[in-house]
Amino acid sequence: PDETIPELERAFDVLGMKFLKIYPNYLGKPVGDPAYYPIFEWANQRGIVVMSHASYIFDEPSHTRPKRFISLAQKYTNVKWVLAHSGNEQLGQIQAVEAARTCPNIYLETASSWGDHGTIEYLVEGAGEDRILYGSDMPLMDARIQVGRIITAQISDEAKRKILGLNAINLLGLDK
């Protein structure tokens, strides 16, 4: 813990990192545990994008259920929260959409091995096309399948362009 903030400062200030990914299951504590607060406070002061595994099914004892992010997003309003996998299976997706609807600083990411037919449409309808981000989860998953889920979705071509890259460019403040 004593090395966390200096390492974040090195990663962002020296190496030029653009976002932080946390994985609460490694620490073995829920995402809202006070052990994370120094990291979240640091990220909030800088307006950093924080991505976290957000799952419903593989997540016992529920360290990263999507609904857990609502209180964090309300407390750390300058953090842009990205819920990786958008909850994975359907009950998790429902929670992820609820979190995004509740908090304008929550974004949903599409990589999942639990993508039922209509998942992308559901996420876009629920959270809005500007708050959905393409994710591949490489090398664990095949990026072609993850791209295919976007390009075959029954959404507009503009929504597909946003999801496949424009939203990430805007979120991370990159040049177009």
Protein backbone atom coordinates (compact mmCIF):
# COMPACT_ATOMS: atom_id res chain seq x y z
CA PRO A 1 0.00 0.00 0.00
CA ASP A 2 2.80 2.48 0.72
CA GLU A 3 4.11 2.09 -2.81
CA THR A 4 0.76 2.49 -4.56
CA ILE A 5 0.56 6.25 -5.05
CA PRO A 6 4.24 6.70 -5.99
CA GLU A 7 3.86 3.91 -8.54
CA LEU A 8 0.68 5.48 -9.94
CA GLU A 9 2.46 8.81 -10.24
CA ARG A 10 5.36 7.15 -12.05
CA ALA A 11 3.03 5.26 -14.38
CA PHE A 12 0.94 8.29 -15.29
CA ASP A 13 3.41 11.17 -14.99
CA VAL A 14 6.54 9.48 -16.35
CA LEU A 15 5.29 6.64 -18.53
CA GLY A 16 2.18 8.45 -19.79
CA MET A 17 -0.40 5.83 -18.90
CA LYS A 18 -3.98 6.79 -19.80
CA PHE A 19 -6.11 4.65 -17.50
CA LEU A 20 -5.90 2.32 -14.54
CA LYS A 21 -7.27 -1.20 -14.40
CA ILE A 22 -7.93 -2.77 -11.04
CA TYR A 23 -8.88 -6.38 -10.39
CA PRO A 24 -10.40 -6.70 -6.91
CA ASN A 25 -10.45 -10.49 -6.94
CA TYR A 26 -6.64 -10.46 -6.70
CA LEU A 27 -6.80 -8.42 -3.50
CA GLY A 28 -9.69 -10.52 -2.27
CA LYS A 29 -11.74 -7.54 -1.12
CA PRO A 30 -14.86 -5.97 -2.61
CA VAL A 31 -14.28 -3.03 -4.92
CA GLY A 32 -15.75 -0.65 -2.32
CA ASP A 33 -13.36 -1.74 0.46
CA PRO A 34 -11.49 1.14 2.17
CA ALA A 35 -8.20 -0.42 1.06
CA TYR A 36 -8.90 1.07 -2.38
CA TYR A 37 -9.80 4.55 -1.18
CA PRO A 38 -6.30 6.09 -1.52
CA ILE A 39 -6.21 4.91 -5.14
CA PHE A 40 -9.70 6.20 -5.86
CA GLU A 41 -9.00 9.54 -4.16
CA TRP A 42 -5.84 9.94 -6.24
CA ALA A 43 -7.72 9.03 -9.43
CA ASN A 44 -10.57 11.38 -8.52
CA GLN A 45 -8.17 14.32 -8.08
CA ARG A 46 -6.82 13.70 -11.58
CA GLY A 47 -10.01 12.66 -13.37
CA ILE A 48 -8.51 9.27 -14.25
CA VAL A 49 -10.36 6.49 -16.04
CA VAL A 50 -10.56 3.41 -13.79
CA MET A 51 -11.52 0.08 -15.32
CA SER A 52 -12.48 -2.82 -13.12
CA HIS A 53 -13.60 -6.35 -13.69
CA ALA A 54 -17.37 -6.17 -13.15
CA SER A 55 -18.96 -9.55 -13.09
CA TYR A 56 -21.99 -11.23 -11.69
CA ILE A 57 -21.40 -14.92 -12.26
CA PHE A 58 -17.67 -15.56 -11.62
CA ASP A 59 -17.47 -13.22 -8.74
CA GLU A 60 -18.15 -15.02 -5.50
CA PRO A 61 -18.22 -13.57 -2.94
CA SER A 62 -19.41 -10.76 -5.22
CA HIS A 63 -16.39 -8.45 -5.08
CA THR A 64 -17.25 -6.77 -8.36
CA ARG A 65 -20.98 -6.99 -8.88
CA PRO A 66 -21.90 -3.99 -11.06
CA LYS A 67 -24.24 -2.46 -8.47
CA ARG A 68 -21.23 -1.99 -6.15
CA PHE A 69 -19.93 0.71 -8.48
CA ILE A 70 -22.89 3.02 -8.00
CA SER A 71 -21.79 4.29 -4.58
CA LEU A 72 -18.19 4.60 -5.80
CA ALA A 73 -19.22 6.61 -8.84
CA GLN A 74 -21.33 8.87 -6.65
CA LYS A 75 -18.47 9.38 -4.17
CA TYR A 76 -15.67 9.76 -6.75
CA THR A 77 -17.45 11.82 -9.38
CA ASN A 78 -14.32 12.82 -11.31
CA VAL A 79 -13.37 9.20 -11.92
CA LYS A 80 -14.68 7.74 -15.15
CA TRP A 81 -15.57 4.17 -14.21
CA VAL A 82 -15.43 1.46 -16.87
CA LEU A 83 -17.18 -1.78 -15.95
CA ALA A 84 -15.26 -4.46 -17.83
CA HIS A 85 -17.55 -7.20 -19.16
CA SER A 86 -20.66 -5.19 -18.22
CA GLY A 87 -21.62 -7.77 -15.65
CA ASN A 88 -21.10 -10.76 -17.96
CA GLU A 89 -24.32 -12.75 -17.75
CA GLN A 90 -27.84 -11.31 -17.94
CA LEU A 91 -28.38 -10.48 -14.24
CA GLY A 92 -25.02 -8.73 -14.22
CA GLN A 93 -25.89 -6.83 -17.40
CA ILE A 94 -29.09 -5.61 -15.78
CA GLN A 95 -27.07 -4.31 -12.83
CA ALA A 96 -24.48 -2.74 -15.16
CA VAL A 97 -27.14 -0.88 -17.12
CA GLU A 98 -28.75 0.27 -13.87
CA ALA A 99 -25.36 1.55 -12.68
CA ALA A 100 -24.79 3.44 -15.94
CA ARG A 101 -28.28 4.93 -15.86
CA THR A 102 -27.78 6.02 -12.26
CA CYS A 103 -24.29 7.49 -12.70
CA PRO A 104 -23.19 9.48 -15.76
CA ASN A 105 -19.53 8.64 -15.01
CA ILE A 106 -20.02 4.88 -15.49
CA TYR A 107 -19.22 3.31 -18.87
CA LEU A 108 -19.80 -0.27 -19.98
CA GLU A 109 -17.30 -2.47 -21.83
CA THR A 110 -18.40 -5.25 -24.18
CA ALA A 111 -15.92 -8.16 -23.81
CA SER A 112 -17.72 -11.21 -22.52
CA SER A 113 -18.01 -14.91 -23.09
CA TRP A 114 -21.64 -14.65 -21.96
CA GLY A 115 -22.91 -12.53 -24.83
CA ASP A 116 -26.44 -13.65 -25.51
CA HIS A 117 -28.17 -12.55 -28.69
CA GLY A 118 -29.21 -8.93 -28.22
CA THR A 119 -26.63 -8.10 -25.54
CA ILE A 120 -25.04 -5.21 -27.42
CA GLU A 121 -28.44 -3.78 -28.29
CA TYR A 122 -29.48 -4.04 -24.64
CA LEU A 123 -26.36 -2.23 -23.45
CA VAL A 124 -26.75 0.54 -26.05
CA GLU A 125 -30.44 0.99 -25.30
CA GLY A 126 -29.82 0.99 -21.57
CA ALA A 127 -26.67 3.09 -21.22
CA GLY A 128 -26.57 4.99 -24.51
CA GLU A 129 -24.23 4.56 -27.46
CA ASP A 130 -21.79 7.15 -26.08
CA ARG A 131 -21.06 5.10 -22.95
CA ILE A 132 -20.33 1.69 -24.45
CA LEU A 133 -16.72 0.69 -25.16
CA TYR A 134 -15.40 -2.17 -27.26
CA GLY A 135 -13.31 -4.68 -25.35
CA SER A 136 -11.49 -7.77 -26.59
CA ASP A 137 -10.11 -9.29 -23.36
CA MET A 138 -7.16 -10.55 -25.39
CA PRO A 139 -5.40 -12.90 -25.18
CA LEU A 140 -8.08 -14.75 -23.20
CA MET A 141 -10.73 -14.25 -25.87
CA ASP A 142 -10.64 -14.05 -29.66
CA ALA A 143 -10.92 -10.40 -30.72
CA ARG A 144 -12.70 -11.41 -33.94
CA ILE A 145 -15.67 -12.72 -31.97
CA GLN A 146 -15.78 -9.60 -29.83
CA VAL A 147 -15.69 -7.33 -32.92
CA GLY A 148 -18.30 -9.51 -34.61
CA ARG A 149 -20.71 -8.96 -31.73
CA ILE A 150 -20.53 -5.21 -32.42
CA ILE A 151 -20.65 -5.18 -36.20
CA THR A 152 -23.58 -7.61 -36.38
CA ALA A 153 -25.60 -5.85 -33.68
CA GLN A 154 -28.84 -4.20 -34.71
CA ILE A 155 -27.62 -0.68 -33.92
CA SER A 156 -26.73 2.25 -36.17
CA ASP A 157 -23.44 2.40 -38.02
CA GLU A 158 -22.61 5.54 -36.04
CA ALA A 159 -23.15 3.64 -32.76
CA LYS A 160 -20.85 0.89 -34.04
CA ARG A 161 -18.12 3.44 -34.85
CA LYS A 162 -18.47 4.97 -31.41
CA ILE A 163 -18.29 1.63 -29.64
CA LEU A 164 -15.39 0.31 -31.73
CA GLY A 165 -13.16 3.28 -31.00
CA LEU A 166 -14.56 6.80 -30.97
CA ASN A 167 -15.89 6.51 -27.41
CA ALA A 168 -12.51 5.30 -26.13
CA ILE A 169 -10.72 8.11 -27.96
CA ASN A 170 -13.01 10.65 -26.30
CA LEU A 171 -12.88 9.02 -22.85
CA LEU A 172 -9.09 8.85 -22.82
CA GLY A 173 -8.59 12.29 -24.36
CA LEU A 174 -6.66 10.93 -27.36
CA ASP A 175 -6.20 12.69 -30.69
CA LYS A 176 -8.58 11.56 -33.42
